[in-house]
Protein backbone atom coordinates (compact mmCIF):
# COMPACT_ATOMS: atom_id res chain seq x y z
CA MET A 1 22.51 46.96 -5.86
CA MET A 2 21.67 44.60 -8.79
CA MET A 3 23.56 42.12 -7.15
CA LEU A 4 22.72 42.78 -3.30
CA ARG A 5 18.96 42.36 -4.65
CA VAL A 6 19.39 39.20 -6.45
CA LEU A 7 21.56 37.66 -2.97
CA MET A 8 18.86 39.00 -1.04
CA SER A 9 16.12 37.44 -2.57
CA GLY A 10 17.45 34.14 -2.90
CA LEU A 11 18.16 34.01 0.70
CA LEU A 12 14.79 34.68 1.14
CA LEU A 13 13.21 32.02 -1.25
CA LEU A 14 15.65 29.58 0.62
CA GLY A 15 14.81 30.51 3.89
CA ALA A 16 10.33 30.35 3.18
CA ALA A 17 11.59 26.59 1.64
CA LEU A 18 13.55 25.48 4.69
CA ALA A 19 10.04 26.95 6.83
CA GLN A 20 8.02 24.16 5.47
CA VAL A 21 10.42 21.62 6.11
CA PRO A 22 8.93 19.84 9.11
CA VAL A 23 11.31 18.62 11.58
CA VAL A 24 11.03 15.24 12.64
CA GLU A 25 12.15 13.43 16.10
CA GLU A 26 13.57 9.64 16.10
CA SER A 27 12.18 7.55 18.84
CA GLY A 28 13.52 4.74 20.80
CA GLY A 29 9.96 2.83 21.28
CA PRO A 30 6.20 3.96 22.44
CA VAL A 31 5.99 7.53 23.95
CA LYS A 32 3.54 9.68 25.20
CA PRO A 33 1.68 10.61 22.35
CA VAL A 34 1.26 14.46 20.32
CA VAL A 35 -1.60 15.10 17.90
CA GLN A 36 -0.24 17.03 14.95
CA SER A 37 -2.70 17.56 12.24
CA GLY A 38 -1.74 17.69 8.59
CA VAL A 39 -4.85 19.55 7.66
CA GLN A 40 -4.71 23.31 6.05
CA SER A 41 -7.66 24.49 7.10
CA GLY A 42 -8.53 27.76 4.43
CA VAL A 43 -6.34 26.25 1.30
CA GLN A 44 -7.84 25.83 -1.98
CA PRO A 45 -6.57 24.26 -4.91
CA SER A 46 -5.42 27.15 -7.48
CA VAL A 47 -6.97 27.24 -10.98
CA SER A 48 -3.81 25.70 -12.44
CA GLN A 49 -3.99 22.82 -9.93
CA GLN A 50 -7.83 22.16 -10.46
CA SER A 51 -7.32 22.05 -14.80
CA ALA A 52 -4.11 19.60 -14.44
CA SER A 53 -6.55 17.75 -12.36
CA LYS A 54 -9.32 17.93 -14.92
CA SER A 55 -6.72 16.86 -17.60
CA LEU A 56 -5.83 13.77 -15.67
CA LEU A 57 -9.56 12.30 -15.59
CA PRO A 58 -9.72 9.68 -19.05
CA ARG A 59 -11.14 11.54 -22.29
CA PHE A 60 -13.16 8.31 -23.79
CA SER A 61 -13.04 7.95 -27.42
CA ASP A 62 -16.15 7.00 -28.91
CA ALA A 63 -15.50 3.39 -29.58
CA ALA A 64 -14.49 3.63 -25.76
CA LYS A 65 -18.13 5.10 -24.80
CA LEU A 66 -19.86 2.78 -26.15
CA ALA A 67 -17.80 -0.29 -25.04
CA PHE A 68 -18.30 1.24 -21.61
CA GLY A 69 -21.82 1.98 -21.92
CA ASP A 70 -22.92 -2.09 -22.74
CA ALA A 71 -20.55 -2.92 -19.62
CA GLN A 72 -22.56 -0.03 -17.12
CA GLN A 73 -25.54 -1.68 -18.33
CA LEU A 74 -24.36 -5.00 -17.22
CA GLU A 75 -23.86 -3.53 -14.09
CA GLN A 76 -27.12 -1.87 -13.71
CA ASP A 77 -28.75 -5.17 -14.33
CA SER A 78 -26.95 -6.70 -11.51
CA ARG A 79 -28.32 -4.38 -9.46
CA MET A 80 -31.75 -5.15 -9.79
CA ALA A 81 -31.31 -8.93 -9.46
CA SER A 82 -30.15 -11.01 -6.23
CA GLY A 83 -29.59 -14.31 -5.00
CA PRO A 84 -27.69 -16.59 -7.75
CA VAL A 85 -29.03 -14.99 -10.54
CA ARG A 86 -27.08 -11.44 -9.36
CA SER A 87 -23.88 -13.56 -8.70
CA ARG A 88 -23.88 -14.69 -12.11
CA LYS A 89 -25.00 -10.94 -13.36
CA LEU A 90 -21.66 -9.48 -11.26
CA GLU A 91 -20.33 -12.00 -12.64
CA LEU A 92 -20.93 -11.30 -16.33
CA ALA A 93 -20.55 -7.51 -15.67
CA ALA A 94 -16.86 -8.10 -13.86
CA MET A 95 -15.78 -9.60 -16.73
CA ALA A 96 -17.08 -7.65 -19.10
CA PHE A 97 -15.12 -4.59 -17.97
CA ASP A 98 -12.17 -6.99 -18.03
CA ARG A 99 -12.36 -7.10 -21.24
CA LEU A 100 -11.58 -3.28 -22.06
CA ILE A 101 -8.53 -3.16 -19.95
CA THR A 102 -7.17 -4.91 -22.60
CA ARG A 103 -9.05 -3.58 -25.47
CA PHE A 104 -8.14 0.17 -24.31
CA GLU A 105 -4.44 -0.88 -23.42
CA LEU A 106 -3.34 1.97 -25.91
CA GLU A 107 -5.75 4.25 -23.76
CA PRO A 108 -4.35 3.66 -20.27
CA LYS A 109 -7.08 6.29 -18.91
CA VAL A 110 -9.69 4.49 -19.99
CA ALA A 111 -8.35 1.22 -19.18
CA ALA A 112 -7.90 2.65 -15.58
CA GLN A 113 -11.21 3.42 -15.21
CA ALA A 114 -12.44 -0.31 -16.86
CA ALA A 115 -9.88 -1.99 -13.92
CA TRP A 116 -11.36 -0.10 -11.43
CA SER A 117 -14.78 -0.88 -12.40
CA ALA A 118 -14.16 -4.37 -12.55
CA ALA A 119 -12.52 -4.91 -9.21
CA GLU A 120 -15.44 -3.20 -7.38
CA LEU A 121 -17.68 -5.51 -8.95
CA TRP A 122 -15.69 -8.44 -8.43
CA ARG A 123 -15.37 -7.20 -4.54
CA ARG A 124 -19.21 -7.20 -4.59
CA HIS A 125 -19.08 -10.78 -6.10
CA GLY A 126 -16.77 -12.18 -3.28
CA SER A 127 -14.24 -13.06 -5.73
CA VAL A 128 -11.38 -11.71 -3.66
CA PRO A 129 -7.93 -12.63 -5.58
CA LEU A 130 -9.47 -11.14 -8.85
CA ALA A 131 -10.46 -8.15 -7.01
CA GLU A 132 -6.53 -7.72 -5.76
CA ARG A 133 -5.18 -8.10 -9.39
CA ASP A 134 -7.84 -5.22 -10.75
CA TYR A 135 -7.09 -3.06 -8.31
CA LEU A 136 -3.40 -2.83 -8.36
CA VAL A 137 -3.94 -3.08 -12.46
CA ALA A 138 -5.69 0.14 -11.60
CA ALA A 139 -3.13 1.95 -9.54
CA ARG A 140 -0.74 1.00 -12.08
CA LEU A 141 -2.40 2.67 -15.19
CA HIS A 142 -3.33 5.82 -13.50
CA ALA A 143 -1.55 6.60 -10.17
CA PHE A 144 -2.86 10.28 -10.08
CA ARG A 145 -6.74 8.92 -9.49
CA TYR A 146 -6.61 6.05 -8.34
CA GLY A 147 -3.11 5.20 -6.97
CA GLN A 148 -4.00 5.96 -3.40
CA ARG A 149 -7.37 4.61 -2.90
CA ALA A 150 -6.45 0.88 -5.82
CA LEU A 151 -3.79 0.06 -3.25
CA LEU A 152 -5.50 0.76 -0.27
CA ALA A 153 -8.61 -1.40 -1.38
CA ALA A 154 -6.30 -3.87 -2.98
CA GLY A 155 -4.43 -4.10 0.53
CA ASP A 156 -7.53 -4.99 2.08
CA MET A 157 -8.35 -7.71 -0.38
CA GLN A 158 -4.46 -9.43 0.32
CA ARG A 159 -5.12 -8.96 4.38
CA ARG A 160 -8.69 -10.94 3.85
CA GLN A 161 -7.03 -13.58 2.16
CA LEU A 162 -4.64 -13.48 5.03
CA ARG A 163 -1.43 -12.80 3.55
CA THR A 164 0.08 -10.64 6.01
CA GLU A 165 2.93 -9.69 4.35
CA ASP A 166 1.69 -8.83 1.43
CA ALA A 167 -0.86 -6.36 2.53
CA MET A 168 1.91 -4.68 4.96
CA LYS A 169 3.38 -3.54 1.84
CA THR A 170 0.76 -2.78 -0.37
CA TYR A 171 -0.61 -0.70 2.94
CA LYS A 172 2.89 0.98 3.00
CA LYS A 173 2.58 1.93 -0.46
CA ALA A 174 -0.82 3.11 0.25
CA GLU A 175 0.27 5.52 2.77
CA ALA A 176 3.53 6.62 0.32
CA VAL A 177 1.71 8.19 -1.81
CA ASP A 178 0.15 11.49 0.25
CA PRO A 179 0.53 10.63 3.95
CA ARG A 180 -1.73 13.49 4.45
CA THR A 181 -4.66 12.14 3.53
CA ARG A 182 -7.80 9.89 5.69
CA ARG A 183 -6.87 6.80 2.74
CA ALA A 184 -3.14 7.11 4.30
CA GLN A 185 -4.23 7.21 8.12
CA GLU A 186 -6.43 4.09 7.20
CA ALA A 187 -3.65 1.94 5.80
CA ARG A 188 -1.91 3.06 9.17
CA LEU A 189 -4.05 2.03 11.01
CA TRP A 190 -4.16 -1.42 9.26
CA MET A 191 -1.05 -1.79 9.64
CA ALA A 192 -0.84 -1.59 13.33
CA ARG A 193 -4.03 -3.49 14.14
CA MET A 194 -2.12 -6.20 11.75
CA LEU A 195 0.69 -6.38 13.94
CA LEU A 196 -1.39 -6.43 17.07
CA VAL A 197 -3.51 -9.55 16.00
CA ASP A 198 0.06 -10.83 15.21
CA GLY A 199 0.84 -10.83 18.93
CA LYS A 200 3.31 -7.65 18.08
CA VAL A 201 2.45 -5.61 20.47
CA ASP A 202 5.48 -3.25 21.15
CA ARG A 203 5.74 -3.02 16.80
CA ALA A 204 1.63 -2.11 17.01
CA ILE A 205 1.58 0.22 19.98
CA GLU A 206 4.55 2.47 17.91
CA ARG A 207 2.48 1.95 14.24
CA PHE A 208 -0.51 3.20 16.43
CA GLN A 209 1.23 6.11 17.82
CA GLY A 210 2.69 7.33 14.69
CA ALA A 211 -1.04 7.31 13.18
CA LEU A 212 -2.31 9.50 16.09
CA GLU A 213 0.38 11.44 15.52
CA SER A 214 0.05 11.98 11.98
CA ALA A 215 -3.73 12.16 12.28
CA PRO A 216 -5.45 14.55 9.66
CA THR A 217 -8.31 15.66 11.56
CA PRO A 218 -9.64 15.64 14.82
CA ARG A 219 -12.13 12.79 14.40
CA GLN A 220 -9.41 10.55 13.27
CA SER A 221 -6.74 11.60 16.20
CA ILE A 222 -9.78 10.11 18.49
CA GLU A 223 -9.84 6.79 16.66
CA ALA A 224 -6.19 6.19 16.52
CA ALA A 225 -6.71 7.33 19.83
CA ASP A 226 -8.65 4.83 20.80
CA TYR A 227 -6.28 1.92 19.12
CA LEU A 228 -3.60 3.22 21.29
CA ALA A 229 -5.12 2.80 24.05
CA LYS A 230 -5.84 -0.62 24.01
CA ALA A 231 -3.07 -1.88 22.54
CA TRP A 232 -1.74 -0.19 25.52
CA ILE A 233 -4.04 -2.17 27.86
CA VAL A 234 -3.27 -5.47 25.51
CA LYS A 235 0.46 -4.73 27.22
CA GLY A 236 -0.69 -4.39 30.86
CA ASP A 237 -0.23 -0.30 30.44
CA LEU A 238 -3.15 0.67 32.40
CA GLU A 239 -1.54 4.26 33.24
CA SER A 240 -0.13 4.55 29.25
CA ALA A 241 -3.99 3.90 28.15
CA ARG A 242 -5.30 6.29 30.72
CA PHE A 243 -3.34 9.27 29.60
CA VAL A 244 -4.25 8.36 25.80
CA VAL A 245 -7.74 8.58 26.54
CA GLU A 246 -7.73 11.47 28.78
CA HIS A 247 -5.60 12.26 25.28
CA ALA A 248 -8.52 12.11 23.60
CA ALA A 249 -10.65 14.26 25.70
CA GLN A 250 -8.87 17.16 25.24
CA VAL A 251 -8.57 16.71 21.38
CA VAL A 252 -12.27 17.11 21.90
CA ASP A 253 -12.16 20.11 24.27
CA ARG A 254 -9.58 21.68 21.83
CA GLU A 255 -12.43 22.21 19.24
CA GLN A 256 -14.98 22.71 21.49
CA HIS A 257 -15.51 26.17 20.42
CA GLY A 258 -15.63 25.04 16.62
CA ASP A 259 -18.18 24.05 14.31
CA PRO A 260 -21.03 22.47 17.15
CA VAL A 261 -21.96 19.91 14.22
CA VAL A 262 -17.98 19.07 14.14
CA VAL A 263 -18.08 18.91 17.99
CA GLY A 264 -21.34 17.31 18.85
CA GLN A 265 -19.60 14.51 16.09
CA LEU A 266 -16.28 14.30 18.26
CA ARG A 267 -18.31 13.82 21.43
CA ARG A 268 -20.18 10.86 19.86
CA ALA A 269 -16.63 9.79 18.69
CA PHE A 270 -15.12 10.21 22.20
CA HIS A 271 -18.45 8.57 23.47
CA ARG A 272 -18.30 5.72 21.84
CA MET A 273 -14.27 5.01 22.65
CA GLY A 274 -14.60 1.16 23.38
CA ALA A 275 -10.68 1.45 25.42
CA LYS A 276 -12.54 3.56 27.75
CA LYS A 277 -14.90 0.54 28.73
CA ALA A 278 -11.99 -1.76 28.71
CA LEU A 279 -9.45 0.39 30.45
CA ARG A 280 -12.45 0.61 33.59
CA ARG A 281 -12.52 -3.35 33.04
CA ALA A 282 -9.26 -3.67 33.14
CA PHE A 283 -8.41 -1.42 36.24
CA ASP A 284 -11.71 -3.54 37.91
CA GLU A 285 -9.90 -6.73 37.64
CA LYS A 286 -6.60 -5.14 38.69
CA ASN A 287 -8.24 -3.61 41.62
CA GLY A 288 -10.43 -6.87 42.38
CA ALA A 289 -6.74 -9.14 42.06
CA ALA A 290 -5.30 -6.92 44.76
CA LYS A 291 -7.58 -7.19 46.66
CA ASP A 292 -8.67 -11.05 46.45
CA ALA A 293 -4.90 -10.99 46.99
CA VAL A 294 -4.95 -9.20 50.37
CA ARG A 295 -8.04 -10.96 52.24
CA LEU A 296 -5.59 -14.36 51.08
CA ASP A 297 -2.53 -13.16 53.16
CA GLU A 298 -4.69 -11.76 56.29
CA HIS A 299 -6.60 -15.08 55.74
CA ARG A 300 -3.07 -16.92 55.92
CA ARG A 301 -2.20 -14.79 58.54
CA GLY A 302 -4.92 -15.94 60.76
CA LYS A 303 -4.10 -19.05 60.69
CA ALA A 304 -0.52 -18.71 61.13
CA GLY A 305 -1.71 -16.85 64.72
CA LYS A 306 -4.53 -19.53 66.07
């Protein structure tokens, strides 16, 4: 009996684990999208998870507290200035945080926070390569706290430098940290947008569709649908674009009995979809061209009959 209970318990655990594994179907190319939300409503982190998160926050030594206080004062000074003076103060503050990265290399979590602070200041200063460098340092030194957001920010800096291949790789790393998050969705959309700018329309459509299917929230589903519909318009497939716009409308309809504030936000997001206007213009141009072709044909036939 004891062996039977152990066997049944093992089977139940195996069944529960298998039930949590998602089934993924491979696609041979762009197909009509289906929205799947990665958000689990009502799930709260356990006490042990919260404790683990708190334990990963940096604990400053007395020396670190003092040094950070000086650097933060320089940052505060920059907020009170403008013009060239502000630029110089931002530079001084960023350099101060950069020095802390090396000074506290034996306290990686502290050094990571210094790297993040320096990166943010370099970004505000307009020194994109230096911001990229420090974002990557922060991601490396404290992956739990800064991994995804620092990688996403580093990808943004690489994109602004027109280093498309590097940005694509960094965005992929950011997405892989946790594909269920808002930042992962941003990374997916930027990868697709870069492909579209490069004229790789089919690959962009696949990426946009993947972003639509992976969108964690209805709001992000509408955003992804907007980009996907525009990509179909660029490809010249207006019917597929119309399908995607209709799908976005269904996303709003499915939420109509939810929180009125959220529903209002979704309706405004749908109303602001640029793809709807672009689709109307594309259909108008297509119909206008068709009418012009008919009139030209009738004109030629009339001349031939004379």
